[in-house]
Amino acid sequence: MPIVSRDVAAVWDVSRLLVLAMRHVREIVYGFAFHPVSGRLARLLLNHYQPIEGQRAPRDLTLDEMAATVGTSRELVCKVLYRFADAEMIRINRTEFVFNDRKKLEELAGEAS
């Protein structure tokens, strides 16, 4: 308590940082709660790979890493990736992606303008 009473500005700075951290966590929780896995995975692909249509992107994330990032299982990530391929949004193999339809991915991710 003596430290707090001596430096009120420091308390405000710490409080501001805590509020920013809580807002960030809230956005993550809302993302998991209100966005389906396909939307979260589409957002991950768009943000991580920065795809350009028709160009290859090496797969540097494992299914486990993708699953951990979007909050699901590796099996579901695999199924959703192949759904994206069936819908011709991406082509996929063991070592790379080719992005065919960025606009569709953006729509799934909720980023379409």
Protein backbone atom coordinates (compact mmCIF):
# COMPACT_ATOMS: atom_id res chain seq x y z
CA MET A 1 0.00 0.00 0.00
CA PRO A 2 2.80 2.52 0.69
CA ILE A 3 4.13 2.09 -2.88
CA VAL A 4 0.67 2.65 -4.35
CA SER A 5 0.11 5.78 -2.33
CA ARG A 6 3.44 7.21 -3.51
CA ASP A 7 2.95 6.70 -7.25
CA VAL A 8 -0.66 7.02 -8.33
CA ALA A 9 0.40 7.44 -11.99
CA ALA A 10 2.01 3.99 -11.90
CA VAL A 11 -1.24 2.50 -10.61
CA TRP A 12 -3.13 4.09 -13.51
CA ASP A 13 -0.57 2.74 -15.98
CA VAL A 14 -0.86 -0.77 -14.57
CA SER A 15 -4.66 -0.51 -14.58
CA ARG A 16 -4.63 0.62 -18.22
CA LEU A 17 -2.43 -2.32 -19.22
CA LEU A 18 -4.70 -4.75 -17.39
CA VAL A 19 -7.79 -3.35 -19.13
CA LEU A 20 -6.08 -3.68 -22.53
CA ALA A 21 -5.16 -7.28 -21.75
CA MET A 22 -8.71 -8.08 -20.65
CA ARG A 23 -10.12 -6.55 -23.85
CA HIS A 24 -7.75 -8.64 -25.93
CA VAL A 25 -8.78 -11.83 -24.10
CA ARG A 26 -12.45 -10.88 -24.51
CA GLU A 27 -12.00 -10.62 -28.29
CA ILE A 28 -10.39 -14.05 -28.37
CA VAL A 29 -13.19 -15.58 -26.29
CA TYR A 30 -15.87 -13.91 -28.44
CA GLY A 31 -14.11 -15.24 -31.53
CA PHE A 32 -14.29 -18.79 -30.22
CA ALA A 33 -17.85 -18.42 -29.03
CA PHE A 34 -19.43 -16.71 -32.01
CA HIS A 35 -17.39 -17.73 -35.07
CA PRO A 36 -17.55 -21.25 -36.47
CA VAL A 37 -14.36 -23.25 -36.95
CA SER A 38 -14.44 -22.68 -40.71
CA GLY A 39 -14.42 -18.92 -40.18
CA ARG A 40 -11.62 -19.08 -37.64
CA LEU A 41 -9.56 -21.34 -39.89
CA ALA A 42 -10.15 -19.10 -42.91
CA ARG A 43 -8.98 -16.12 -40.84
CA LEU A 44 -5.87 -18.02 -39.77
CA LEU A 45 -5.01 -18.90 -43.38
CA LEU A 46 -5.52 -15.31 -44.52
CA ASN A 47 -3.50 -13.79 -41.69
CA HIS A 48 -0.70 -16.32 -41.48
CA TYR A 49 -0.09 -17.00 -45.15
CA GLN A 50 -1.07 -13.63 -46.69
CA PRO A 51 -2.23 -15.51 -49.80
CA ILE A 52 -2.03 -14.25 -53.33
CA GLU A 53 -4.41 -16.10 -55.64
CA GLY A 54 -2.71 -18.75 -57.73
CA GLN A 55 0.58 -18.63 -55.84
CA ARG A 56 1.93 -21.44 -53.69
CA ALA A 57 2.47 -21.00 -49.99
CA PRO A 58 4.58 -23.53 -48.08
CA ARG A 59 2.73 -25.16 -45.18
CA ASP A 60 4.76 -24.16 -42.17
CA LEU A 61 2.03 -24.82 -39.61
CA THR A 62 1.15 -28.35 -38.57
CA LEU A 63 -2.46 -29.46 -38.16
CA ASP A 64 -1.86 -29.46 -34.40
CA GLU A 65 -0.64 -25.85 -34.47
CA MET A 66 -3.62 -24.78 -36.58
CA ALA A 67 -5.99 -26.61 -34.25
CA ALA A 68 -4.47 -24.99 -31.17
CA THR A 69 -4.72 -21.56 -32.77
CA VAL A 70 -8.39 -21.87 -33.75
CA GLY A 71 -9.47 -23.87 -30.69
CA THR A 72 -10.43 -27.22 -32.16
CA SER A 73 -9.00 -30.66 -32.95
CA ARG A 74 -6.51 -31.53 -35.68
CA GLU A 75 -9.10 -33.89 -37.21
CA LEU A 76 -11.61 -31.08 -37.61
CA VAL A 77 -8.95 -28.77 -39.08
CA CYS A 78 -8.12 -31.46 -41.63
CA LYS A 79 -11.81 -31.91 -42.55
CA VAL A 80 -12.36 -28.17 -42.91
CA LEU A 81 -9.24 -27.74 -45.05
CA TYR A 82 -10.51 -30.43 -47.40
CA ARG A 83 -13.95 -28.77 -47.46
CA PHE A 84 -12.17 -25.57 -48.55
CA ALA A 85 -10.43 -27.62 -51.26
CA ASP A 86 -13.72 -29.22 -52.37
CA ALA A 87 -15.22 -25.72 -52.64
CA GLU A 88 -12.16 -24.74 -54.74
CA MET A 89 -11.04 -22.01 -52.35
CA ILE A 90 -7.65 -23.68 -51.93
CA ARG A 91 -5.61 -26.55 -53.30
CA ILE A 92 -3.79 -28.46 -50.64
CA ASN A 93 -1.12 -31.10 -50.34
CA ARG A 94 1.27 -32.17 -47.60
CA THR A 95 3.76 -29.36 -48.19
CA GLU A 96 1.87 -26.35 -49.57
CA PHE A 97 -1.35 -24.48 -50.20
CA VAL A 98 -2.43 -22.78 -53.38
CA PHE A 99 -5.07 -20.12 -52.75
CA ASN A 100 -7.70 -20.08 -55.50
CA ASP A 101 -10.42 -17.84 -54.09
CA ARG A 102 -9.34 -15.33 -51.46
CA LYS A 103 -12.74 -13.61 -51.57
CA LYS A 104 -14.56 -16.76 -50.42
CA LEU A 105 -12.07 -17.19 -47.58
CA GLU A 106 -12.61 -13.56 -46.57
CA GLU A 107 -16.37 -14.10 -46.56
CA LEU A 108 -15.97 -17.13 -44.30
CA ALA A 109 -13.63 -15.17 -42.03
CA GLY A 110 -16.13 -12.32 -41.83
CA GLU A 111 -13.68 -9.93 -43.49
CA ALA A 112 -15.44 -9.37 -46.81
CA SER A 113 -15.83 -5.72 -47.71
